Amino acid sequence: MRTWVDIELEKLGYTRNISATSTFHSLAKIVAQSNFIATVPMLTAMDMSKRYGVTVYQHPLREIKSKLMMAWHYRNDKKPEDDWFRRLIMEELSTLDESEPNY
């Protein structure tokens, strides 16, 4: 599958082969013992660096934007406590400054 990420990486002279793991923990071990790289959240990368000695680099695509979405089962659509929690999440996310990194 080729995505916009592949197109942008090719402009920079990079290509990627994608693999997946079930946890960041197993990923850290794989990266530490191979020539593989991984794209992970910054806090995860820093932890991997401390625990396994992997080197952390800034991703070459600095302006990666992603769309956050919420989904829930229809049976929870009318529950007041779930509605409150969804509103709380939306309120908190609305306070984030998009120009600041939010690791």
PDB file of N, CA and C in Angstrom:
ATOM      1  N   MET A   1       0.842  -1.173   0.000  1.00  0.00           N
ATOM      2  CA  MET A   1       0.000   0.000   0.000  1.00  0.00           C
ATOM      3  C   MET A   1       0.889   1.239   0.000  1.00  0.00           C
ATOM      4  N   ARG A   2       0.653   2.144  -0.898  1.00  0.00           N
ATOM      5  CA  ARG A   2       1.425   3.378  -1.014  1.00  0.00           C
ATOM      6  C   ARG A   2       0.556   4.534  -0.538  1.00  0.00           C
ATOM      7  N   THR A   3       1.095   5.332   0.386  1.00  0.00           N
ATOM      8  CA  THR A   3       0.331   6.443   0.948  1.00  0.00           C
ATOM      9  C   THR A   3       1.069   7.754   0.711  1.00  0.00           C
ATOM     10  N   TRP A   4       0.476   8.848   1.199  1.00  0.00           N
ATOM     11  CA  TRP A   4       1.109  10.156   1.069  1.00  0.00           C
ATOM     12  C   TRP A   4       2.457  10.184   1.778  1.00  0.00           C
ATOM     13  N   VAL A   5       2.607   9.379   2.830  1.00  0.00           N
ATOM     14  CA  VAL A   5       3.885   9.322   3.544  1.00  0.00           C
ATOM     15  C   VAL A   5       4.968   8.787   2.613  1.00  0.00           C
ATOM     16  N   ASP A   6       4.657   7.741   1.865  1.00  0.00           N
ATOM     17  CA  ASP A   6       5.619   7.184   0.908  1.00  0.00           C
ATOM     18  C   ASP A   6       6.003   8.213  -0.153  1.00  0.00           C
ATOM     19  N   ILE A   7       5.033   8.951  -0.635  1.00  0.00           N
ATOM     20  CA  ILE A   7       5.296   9.972  -1.656  1.00  0.00           C
ATOM     21  C   ILE A   7       6.233  11.044  -1.105  1.00  0.00           C
ATOM     22  N   GLU A   8       5.946  11.518   0.110  1.00  0.00           N
ATOM     23  CA  GLU A   8       6.792  12.553   0.718  1.00  0.00           C
ATOM     24  C   GLU A   8       8.191  12.027   1.018  1.00  0.00           C
ATOM     25  N   LEU A   9       8.290  10.794   1.485  1.00  0.00           N
ATOM     26  CA  LEU A   9       9.606  10.209   1.757  1.00  0.00           C
ATOM     27  C   LEU A   9      10.422  10.052   0.477  1.00  0.00           C
ATOM     28  N   GLU A  10       9.766   9.661  -0.609  1.00  0.00           N
ATOM     29  CA  GLU A  10      10.463   9.518  -1.891  1.00  0.00           C
ATOM     30  C   GLU A  10      11.036  10.850  -2.359  1.00  0.00           C
ATOM     31  N   LYS A  11      10.326  11.947  -2.098  1.00  0.00           N
ATOM     32  CA  LYS A  11      10.840  13.274  -2.454  1.00  0.00           C
ATOM     33  C   LYS A  11      12.147  13.566  -1.721  1.00  0.00           C
ATOM     34  N   LEU A  12      12.307  12.971  -0.539  1.00  0.00           N
ATOM     35  CA  LEU A  12      13.520  13.158   0.259  1.00  0.00           C
ATOM     36  C   LEU A  12      14.559  12.073  -0.009  1.00  0.00           C
ATOM     37  N   GLY A  13      14.242  11.159  -0.925  1.00  0.00           N
ATOM     38  CA  GLY A  13      15.183  10.101  -1.270  1.00  0.00           C
ATOM     39  C   GLY A  13      15.079   8.854  -0.409  1.00  0.00           C
ATOM     40  N   TYR A  14      13.973   8.697   0.307  1.00  0.00           N
ATOM     41  CA  TYR A  14      13.790   7.537   1.180  1.00  0.00           C
ATOM     42  C   TYR A  14      12.688   6.629   0.645  1.00  0.00           C
ATOM     43  N   THR A  15      12.766   5.364   0.993  1.00  0.00           N
ATOM     44  CA  THR A  15      11.663   4.431   0.776  1.00  0.00           C
ATOM     45  C   THR A  15      11.472   3.671   2.079  1.00  0.00           C
ATOM     46  N   ARG A  16      10.330   3.031   2.224  1.00  0.00           N
ATOM     47  CA  ARG A  16      10.099   2.275   3.454  1.00  0.00           C
ATOM     48  C   ARG A  16       9.457   0.935   3.152  1.00  0.00           C
ATOM     49  N   ASN A  17       9.758  -0.023   4.009  1.00  0.00           N
ATOM     50  CA  ASN A  17       9.096  -1.325   4.036  1.00  0.00           C
ATOM     51  C   ASN A  17       8.438  -1.415   5.398  1.00  0.00           C
ATOM     52  N   ILE A  18       7.180  -1.722   5.425  1.00  0.00           N
ATOM     53  CA  ILE A  18       6.421  -1.667   6.669  1.00  0.00           C
ATOM     54  C   ILE A  18       6.280  -3.050   7.286  1.00  0.00           C
ATOM     55  N   SER A  19       6.523  -3.121   8.587  1.00  0.00           N
ATOM     56  CA  SER A  19       6.244  -4.301   9.406  1.00  0.00           C
ATOM     57  C   SER A  19       5.503  -3.812  10.639  1.00  0.00           C
ATOM     58  N   ALA A  20       4.911  -4.718  11.360  1.00  0.00           N
ATOM     59  CA  ALA A  20       4.163  -4.333  12.555  1.00  0.00           C
ATOM     60  C   ALA A  20       4.481  -5.276  13.701  1.00  0.00           C
ATOM     61  N   THR A  21       4.387  -4.748  14.915  1.00  0.00           N
ATOM     62  CA  THR A  21       4.519  -5.556  16.121  1.00  0.00           C
ATOM     63  C   THR A  21       3.305  -5.295  16.993  1.00  0.00           C
ATOM     64  N   SER A  22       3.083  -6.163  17.946  1.00  0.00           N
ATOM     65  CA  SER A  22       1.904  -6.006  18.800  1.00  0.00           C
ATOM     66  C   SER A  22       2.129  -5.014  19.935  1.00  0.00           C
ATOM     67  N   THR A  23       3.377  -4.762  20.303  1.00  0.00           N
ATOM     68  CA  THR A  23       3.651  -3.834  21.411  1.00  0.00           C
ATOM     69  C   THR A  23       4.899  -3.014  21.123  1.00  0.00           C
ATOM     70  N   PHE A  24       4.994  -1.855  21.780  1.00  0.00           N
ATOM     71  CA  PHE A  24       6.207  -1.049  21.676  1.00  0.00           C
ATOM     72  C   PHE A  24       7.385  -1.765  22.324  1.00  0.00           C
ATOM     73  N   HIS A  25       7.116  -2.572  23.354  1.00  0.00           N
ATOM     74  CA  HIS A  25       8.203  -3.277  24.039  1.00  0.00           C
ATOM     75  C   HIS A  25       8.926  -4.221  23.078  1.00  0.00           C
ATOM     76  N   SER A  26       8.172  -5.014  22.340  1.00  0.00           N
ATOM     77  CA  SER A  26       8.820  -5.920  21.387  1.00  0.00           C
ATOM     78  C   SER A  26       9.491  -5.133  20.270  1.00  0.00           C
ATOM     79  N   LEU A  27       8.903  -4.016  19.889  1.00  0.00           N
ATOM     80  CA  LEU A  27       9.496  -3.164  18.866  1.00  0.00           C
ATOM     81  C   LEU A  27      10.856  -2.639  19.318  1.00  0.00           C
ATOM     82  N   ALA A  28      10.946  -2.209  20.564  1.00  0.00           N
ATOM     83  CA  ALA A  28      12.208  -1.678  21.090  1.00  0.00           C
ATOM     84  C   ALA A  28      13.317  -2.715  21.004  1.00  0.00           C
ATOM     85  N   LYS A  29      13.013  -3.942  21.364  1.00  0.00           N
ATOM     86  CA  LYS A  29      14.016  -5.012  21.288  1.00  0.00           C
ATOM     87  C   LYS A  29      14.447  -5.271  19.848  1.00  0.00           C
ATOM     88  N   ILE A  30      13.493  -5.282  18.939  1.00  0.00           N
ATOM     89  CA  ILE A  30      13.808  -5.528  17.529  1.00  0.00           C
ATOM     90  C   ILE A  30      14.712  -4.428  16.980  1.00  0.00           C
ATOM     91  N   VAL A  31      14.354  -3.178  17.240  1.00  0.00           N
ATOM     92  CA  VAL A  31      15.149  -2.052  16.737  1.00  0.00           C
ATOM     93  C   VAL A  31      16.550  -2.073  17.338  1.00  0.00           C
ATOM     94  N   ALA A  32      16.645  -2.386  18.625  1.00  0.00           N
ATOM     95  CA  ALA A  32      17.946  -2.392  19.304  1.00  0.00           C
ATOM     96  C   ALA A  32      18.880  -3.470  18.763  1.00  0.00           C
ATOM     97  N   GLN A  33      18.319  -4.554  18.229  1.00  0.00           N
ATOM     98  CA  GLN A  33      19.140  -5.685  17.795  1.00  0.00           C
ATOM     99  C   GLN A  33      19.192  -5.843  16.275  1.00  0.00           C
ATOM    100  N   SER A  34      18.854  -4.789  15.542  1.00  0.00           N
ATOM    101  CA  SER A  34      18.820  -4.899  14.080  1.00  0.00           C
ATOM    102  C   SER A  34      19.201  -3.561  13.452  1.00  0.00           C
ATOM    103  N   ASN A  35      19.073  -3.506  12.136  1.00  0.00           N
ATOM    104  CA  ASN A  35      19.275  -2.230  11.453  1.00  0.00           C
ATOM    105  C   ASN A  35      17.934  -1.614  11.062  1.00  0.00           C
ATOM    106  N   PHE A  36      16.858  -2.021  11.729  1.00  0.00           N
ATOM    107  CA  PHE A  36      15.531  -1.488  11.459  1.00  0.00           C
ATOM    108  C   PHE A  36      15.368  -0.140  12.143  1.00  0.00           C
ATOM    109  N   ILE A  37      14.395   0.629  11.653  1.00  0.00           N
ATOM    110  CA  ILE A  37      14.013   1.868  12.313  1.00  0.00           C
ATOM    111  C   ILE A  37      12.524   1.789  12.619  1.00  0.00           C
ATOM    112  N   ALA A  38      12.061   2.697  13.457  1.00  0.00           N
ATOM    113  CA  ALA A  38      10.644   2.709  13.817  1.00  0.00           C
ATOM    114  C   ALA A  38      10.172   4.146  13.968  1.00  0.00           C
ATOM    115  N   THR A  39       8.931   4.372  13.649  1.00  0.00           N
ATOM    116  CA  THR A  39       8.299   5.660  13.897  1.00  0.00           C
ATOM    117  C   THR A  39       7.374   5.475  15.088  1.00  0.00           C
ATOM    118  N   VAL A  40       7.697   6.159  16.174  1.00  0.00           N
ATOM    119  CA  VAL A  40       6.938   6.035  17.418  1.00  0.00           C
ATOM    120  C   VAL A  40       6.769   7.425  18.025  1.00  0.00           C
ATOM    121  N   PRO A  41       5.837   7.589  18.967  1.00  0.00           N
ATOM    122  CA  PRO A  41       5.721   8.869  19.670  1.00  0.00           C
ATOM    123  C   PRO A  41       7.035   9.217  20.381  1.00  0.00           C
ATOM    124  N   MET A  42       7.300  10.509  20.532  1.00  0.00           N
ATOM    125  CA  MET A  42       8.567  10.965  21.100  1.00  0.00           C
ATOM    126  C   MET A  42       8.828  10.388  22.489  1.00  0.00           C
ATOM    127  N   LEU A  43       7.831  10.354  23.352  1.00  0.00           N
ATOM    128  CA  LEU A  43       8.054   9.807  24.701  1.00  0.00           C
ATOM    129  C   LEU A  43       8.451   8.340  24.643  1.00  0.00           C
ATOM    130  N   THR A  44       7.857   7.602  23.730  1.00  0.00           N
ATOM    131  CA  THR A  44       8.227   6.196  23.550  1.00  0.00           C
ATOM    132  C   THR A  44       9.653   6.091  23.041  1.00  0.00           C
ATOM    133  N   ALA A  45      10.009   6.943  22.093  1.00  0.00           N
ATOM    134  CA  ALA A  45      11.369   6.930  21.549  1.00  0.00           C
ATOM    135  C   ALA A  45      12.395   7.231  22.638  1.00  0.00           C
ATOM    136  N   MET A  46      12.109   8.199  23.486  1.00  0.00           N
ATOM    137  CA  MET A  46      13.045   8.552  24.552  1.00  0.00           C
ATOM    138  C   MET A  46      13.201   7.391  25.536  1.00  0.00           C
ATOM    139  N   ASP A  47      12.112   6.715  25.847  1.00  0.00           N
ATOM    140  CA  ASP A  47      12.180   5.553  26.734  1.00  0.00           C
ATOM    141  C   ASP A  47      12.991   4.431  26.084  1.00  0.00           C
ATOM    142  N   MET A  48      12.769   4.196  24.794  1.00  0.00           N
ATOM    143  CA  MET A  48      13.532   3.169  24.080  1.00  0.00           C
ATOM    144  C   MET A  48      15.019   3.503  24.095  1.00  0.00           C
ATOM    145  N   SER A  49      15.326   4.781  23.979  1.00  0.00           N
ATOM    146  CA  SER A  49      16.722   5.209  23.994  1.00  0.00           C
ATOM    147  C   SER A  49      17.371   4.916  25.345  1.00  0.00           C
ATOM    148  N   LYS A  50      16.653   5.230  26.414  1.00  0.00           N
ATOM    149  CA  LYS A  50      17.187   4.988  27.765  1.00  0.00           C
ATOM    150  C   LYS A  50      17.351   3.497  28.049  1.00  0.00           C
ATOM    151  N   ARG A  51      16.344   2.722  27.696  1.00  0.00           N
ATOM    152  CA  ARG A  51      16.351   1.293  28.040  1.00  0.00           C
ATOM    153  C   ARG A  51      17.236   0.441  27.135  1.00  0.00           C
ATOM    154  N   TYR A  52      17.265   0.778  25.845  1.00  0.00           N
ATOM    155  CA  TYR A  52      17.931  -0.102  24.880  1.00  0.00           C
ATOM    156  C   TYR A  52      19.077   0.561  24.123  1.00  0.00           C
ATOM    157  N   GLY A  53      19.319   1.832  24.392  1.00  0.00           N
ATOM    158  CA  GLY A  53      20.431   2.515  23.748  1.00  0.00           C
ATOM    159  C   GLY A  53      20.230   2.831  22.276  1.00  0.00           C
ATOM    160  N   VAL A  54      18.988   2.842  21.824  1.00  0.00           N
ATOM    161  CA  VAL A  54      18.749   3.191  20.426  1.00  0.00           C
ATOM    162  C   VAL A  54      18.885   4.703  20.247  1.00  0.00           C
ATOM    163  N   THR A  55      19.261   5.111  19.051  1.00  0.00           N
ATOM    164  CA  THR A  55      19.422   6.525  18.743  1.00  0.00           C
ATOM    165  C   THR A  55      18.093   7.083  18.256  1.00  0.00           C
ATOM    166  N   VAL A  56      17.751   8.280  18.721  1.00  0.00           N
ATOM    167  CA  VAL A  56      16.486   8.918  18.353  1.00  0.00           C
ATOM    168  C   VAL A  56      16.768  10.046  17.367  1.00  0.00           C
ATOM    169  N   TYR A  57      16.034  10.050  16.271  1.00  0.00           N
ATOM    170  CA  TYR A  57      16.134  11.101  15.257  1.00  0.00           C
ATOM    171  C   TYR A  57      14.767  11.732  15.057  1.00  0.00           C
ATOM    172  N   GLN A  58      14.766  12.984  14.646  1.00  0.00           N
ATOM    173  CA  GLN A  58      13.522  13.650  14.262  1.00  0.00           C
ATOM    174  C   GLN A  58      13.026  13.013  12.967  1.00  0.00           C
ATOM    175  N   HIS A  59      11.743  12.761  12.874  1.00  0.00           N
ATOM    176  CA  HIS A  59      11.159  12.207  11.651  1.00  0.00           C
ATOM    177  C   HIS A  59      11.371  13.202  10.509  1.00  0.00           C
ATOM    178  N   PRO A  60      11.720  12.737   9.310  1.00  0.00           N
ATOM    179  CA  PRO A  60      11.973  13.676   8.209  1.00  0.00           C
ATOM    180  C   PRO A  60      10.735  14.449   7.764  1.00  0.00           C
ATOM    181  N   LEU A  61       9.560  13.967   8.086  1.00  0.00           N
ATOM    182  CA  LEU A  61       8.327  14.684   7.751  1.00  0.00           C
ATOM    183  C   LEU A  61       7.851  15.416   8.998  1.00  0.00           C
ATOM    184  N   ARG A  62       8.325  16.607   9.184  1.00  0.00           N
ATOM    185  CA  ARG A  62       8.055  17.351  10.417  1.00  0.00           C
ATOM    186  C   ARG A  62       6.597  17.787  10.551  1.00  0.00           C
ATOM    187  N   GLU A  63       5.924  17.980   9.476  1.00  0.00           N
ATOM    188  CA  GLU A  63       4.567  18.507   9.530  1.00  0.00           C
ATOM    189  C   GLU A  63       3.510  17.421   9.374  1.00  0.00           C
ATOM    190  N   ILE A  64       3.681  16.326  10.058  1.00  0.00           N
ATOM    191  CA  ILE A  64       2.695  15.256   9.973  1.00  0.00           C
ATOM    192  C   ILE A  64       1.459  15.678  10.763  1.00  0.00           C
ATOM    193  N   LYS A  65       0.357  15.759  10.094  1.00  0.00           N
ATOM    194  CA  LYS A  65      -0.915  16.098  10.730  1.00  0.00           C
ATOM    195  C   LYS A  65      -1.786  14.848  10.717  1.00  0.00           C
ATOM    196  N   SER A  66      -2.468  14.623  11.791  1.00  0.00           N
ATOM    197  CA  SER A  66      -3.391  13.501  11.817  1.00  0.00           C
ATOM    198  C   SER A  66      -4.726  13.977  12.356  1.00  0.00           C
ATOM    199  N   LYS A  67      -5.745  13.311  11.956  1.00  0.00           N
ATOM    200  CA  LYS A  67      -7.090  13.662  12.376  1.00  0.00           C
ATOM    201  C   LYS A  67      -7.479  12.758  13.536  1.00  0.00           C
ATOM    202  N   LEU A  68      -7.871  13.361  14.643  1.00  0.00           N
ATOM    203  CA  LEU A  68      -8.327  12.583  15.790  1.00  0.00           C
ATOM    204  C   LEU A  68      -9.827  12.375  15.680  1.00  0.00           C
ATOM    205  N   MET A  69     -10.243  11.155  15.927  1.00  0.00           N
ATOM    206  CA  MET A  69     -11.663  10.834  15.857  1.00  0.00           C
ATOM    207  C   MET A  69     -12.031   9.970  17.052  1.00  0.00           C
ATOM    208  N   MET A  70     -13.288  10.031  17.440  1.00  0.00           N
ATOM    209  CA  MET A  70     -13.792   9.159  18.502  1.00  0.00           C
ATOM    210  C   MET A  70     -14.857   8.253  17.901  1.00  0.00           C
ATOM    211  N   ALA A  71     -14.919   7.048  18.404  1.00  0.00           N
ATOM    212  CA  ALA A  71     -15.944   6.105  17.963  1.00  0.00           C
ATOM    213  C   ALA A  71     -16.433   5.341  19.184  1.00  0.00           C
ATOM    214  N   TRP A  72     -17.691   4.998  19.193  1.00  0.00           N
ATOM    215  CA  TRP A  72     -18.245   4.242  20.302  1.00  0.00           C
ATOM    216  C   TRP A  72     -19.427   3.420  19.809  1.00  0.00           C
ATOM    217  N   HIS A  73     -19.755   2.411  20.577  1.00  0.00           N
ATOM    218  CA  HIS A  73     -20.875   1.535  20.241  1.00  0.00           C
ATOM    219  C   HIS A  73     -22.181   2.308  20.421  1.00  0.00           C
ATOM    220  N   TYR A  74     -23.140   2.040  19.556  1.00  0.00           N
ATOM    221  CA  TYR A  74     -24.406   2.773  19.598  1.00  0.00           C
ATOM    222  C   TYR A  74     -25.121   2.650  20.943  1.00  0.00           C
ATOM    223  N   ARG A  75     -24.911   1.552  21.651  1.00  0.00           N
ATOM    224  CA  ARG A  75     -25.599   1.390  22.938  1.00  0.00           C
ATOM    225  C   ARG A  75     -25.095   2.398  23.976  1.00  0.00           C
ATOM    226  N   ASN A  76     -23.920   2.993  23.722  1.00  0.00           N
ATOM    227  CA  ASN A  76     -23.374   3.996  24.638  1.00  0.00           C
ATOM    228  C   ASN A  76     -23.658   5.422  24.178  1.00  0.00           C
ATOM    229  N   ASP A  77     -24.435   5.551  23.133  1.00  0.00           N
ATOM    230  CA  ASP A  77     -24.680   6.862  22.553  1.00  0.00           C
ATOM    231  C   ASP A  77     -25.473   7.782  23.473  1.00  0.00           C
ATOM    232  N   LYS A  78     -26.345   7.244  24.279  1.00  0.00           N
ATOM    233  CA  LYS A  78     -27.230   8.062  25.114  1.00  0.00           C
ATOM    234  C   LYS A  78     -26.888   8.015  26.603  1.00  0.00           C
ATOM    235  N   LYS A  79     -25.811   7.353  26.957  1.00  0.00           N
ATOM    236  CA  LYS A  79     -25.451   7.265  28.371  1.00  0.00           C
ATOM    237  C   LYS A  79     -24.840   8.590  28.829  1.00  0.00           C
ATOM    238  N   PRO A  80     -25.398   9.206  29.867  1.00  0.00           N
ATOM    239  CA  PRO A  80     -24.888  10.503  30.327  1.00  0.00           C
ATOM    240  C   PRO A  80     -23.407  10.475  30.708  1.00  0.00           C
ATOM    241  N   GLU A  81     -22.978   9.399  31.353  1.00  0.00           N
ATOM    242  CA  GLU A  81     -21.572   9.348  31.775  1.00  0.00           C
ATOM    243  C   GLU A  81     -20.626   9.252  30.575  1.00  0.00           C
ATOM    244  N   ASP A  82     -21.036   8.549  29.536  1.00  0.00           N
ATOM    245  CA  ASP A  82     -20.207   8.462  28.334  1.00  0.00           C
ATOM    246  C   ASP A  82     -20.215   9.782  27.570  1.00  0.00           C
ATOM    247  N   ASP A  83     -21.377  10.417  27.532  1.00  0.00           N
ATOM    248  CA  ASP A  83     -21.480  11.723  26.880  1.00  0.00           C
ATOM    249  C   ASP A  83     -20.596  12.745  27.599  1.00  0.00           C
ATOM    250  N   TRP A  84     -20.619  12.726  28.922  1.00  0.00           N
ATOM    251  CA  TRP A  84     -19.762  13.619  29.709  1.00  0.00           C
ATOM    252  C   TRP A  84     -18.293  13.374  29.381  1.00  0.00           C
ATOM    253  N   PHE A  85     -17.905  12.109  29.324  1.00  0.00           N
ATOM    254  CA  PHE A  85     -16.506  11.787  29.063  1.00  0.00           C
ATOM    255  C   PHE A  85     -16.082  12.241  27.663  1.00  0.00           C
ATOM    256  N   ARG A  86     -16.936  12.052  26.668  1.00  0.00           N
ATOM    257  CA  ARG A  86     -16.617  12.509  25.305  1.00  0.00           C
ATOM    258  C   ARG A  86     -16.469  14.030  25.265  1.00  0.00           C
ATOM    259  N   ARG A  87     -17.362  14.742  25.951  1.00  0.00           N
ATOM    260  CA  ARG A  87     -17.252  16.206  25.999  1.00  0.00           C
ATOM    261  C   ARG A  87     -15.963  16.637  26.690  1.00  0.00           C
ATOM    262  N   LEU A  88     -15.603  15.941  27.774  1.00  0.00           N
ATOM    263  CA  LEU A  88     -14.368  16.249  28.492  1.00  0.00           C
ATOM    264  C   LEU A  88     -13.153  16.080  27.571  1.00  0.00           C
ATOM    265  N   ILE A  89     -13.122  15.002  26.827  1.00  0.00           N
ATOM    266  CA  ILE A  89     -12.016  14.770  25.890  1.00  0.00           C
ATOM    267  C   ILE A  89     -11.960  15.892  24.854  1.00  0.00           C
ATOM    268  N   MET A  90     -13.099  16.260  24.295  1.00  0.00           N
ATOM    269  CA  MET A  90     -13.126  17.318  23.283  1.00  0.00           C
ATOM    270  C   MET A  90     -12.687  18.657  23.864  1.00  0.00           C
ATOM    271  N   GLU A  91     -13.104  18.960  25.089  1.00  0.00           N
ATOM    272  CA  GLU A  91     -12.680  20.210  25.733  1.00  0.00           C
ATOM    273  C   GLU A  91     -11.171  20.238  25.936  1.00  0.00           C
ATOM    274  N   GLU A  92     -10.616  19.137  26.420  1.00  0.00           N
ATOM    275  CA  GLU A  92      -9.170  19.079  26.656  1.00  0.00           C
ATOM    276  C   GLU A  92      -8.391  19.198  25.349  1.00  0.00           C
ATOM    277  N   LEU A  93      -8.840  18.508  24.319  1.00  0.00           N
ATOM    278  CA  LEU A  93      -8.148  18.578  23.032  1.00  0.00           C
ATOM    279  C   LEU A  93      -8.229  19.968  22.425  1.00  0.00           C
ATOM    280  N   SER A  94      -9.314  20.679  22.680  1.00  0.00           N
ATOM    281  CA  SER A  94      -9.456  22.021  22.108  1.00  0.00           C
ATOM    282  C   SER A  94      -8.476  23.012  22.724  1.00  0.00           C
ATOM    283  N   THR A  95      -7.880  22.678  23.870  1.00  0.00           N
ATOM    284  CA  THR A  95      -6.923  23.584  24.511  1.00  0.00           C
ATOM    285  C   THR A  95      -5.505  23.408  23.985  1.00  0.00           C
ATOM    286  N   LEU A  96      -5.266  22.369  23.195  1.00  0.00           N
ATOM    287  CA  LEU A  96      -3.920  22.129  22.676  1.00  0.00           C
ATOM    288  C   LEU A  96      -3.539  23.182  21.650  1.00  0.00           C
ATOM    289  N   ASP A  97      -2.317  23.633  21.731  1.00  0.00           N
ATOM    290  CA  ASP A  97      -1.773  24.572  20.758  1.00  0.00           C
ATOM    291  C   ASP A  97      -1.124  23.756  19.651  1.00  0.00           C
ATOM    292  N   GLU A  98      -1.667  23.839  18.444  1.00  0.00           N
ATOM    293  CA  GLU A  98      -1.163  23.019  17.338  1.00  0.00           C
ATOM    294  C   GLU A  98       0.275  23.346  16.963  1.00  0.00           C
ATOM    295  N   SER A  99       0.761  24.526  17.351  1.00  0.00           N
ATOM    296  CA  SER A  99       2.139  24.880  17.008  1.00  0.00           C
ATOM    297  C   SER A  99       3.145  24.280  17.986  1.00  0.00           C
ATOM    298  N   GLU A 100       2.669  23.752  19.099  1.00  0.00           N
ATOM    299  CA  GLU A 100       3.544  23.152  20.109  1.00  0.00           C
ATOM    300  C   GLU A 100       3.578  21.639  19.942  1.00  0.00           C
ATOM    301  N   PRO A 101       4.753  21.021  20.095  1.00  0.00           N
ATOM    302  CA  PRO A 101       4.775  19.552  20.084  1.00  0.00           C
ATOM    303  C   PRO A 101       4.036  19.015  21.303  1.00  0.00           C
ATOM    304  N   ASN A 102       3.288  17.951  21.143  1.00  0.00           N
ATOM    305  CA  ASN A 102       2.538  17.397  22.274  1.00  0.00           C
ATOM    306  C   ASN A 102       2.846  15.920  22.456  1.00  0.00           C
ATOM    307  N   TYR A 103       4.087  15.602  22.432  1.00  0.00           N
ATOM    308  CA  TYR A 103       4.617  14.255  22.573  1.00  0.00           C
ATOM    309  C   TYR A 103       3.628  13.314  23.187  1.00  0.00           C
TER     310      TYR A 103
END
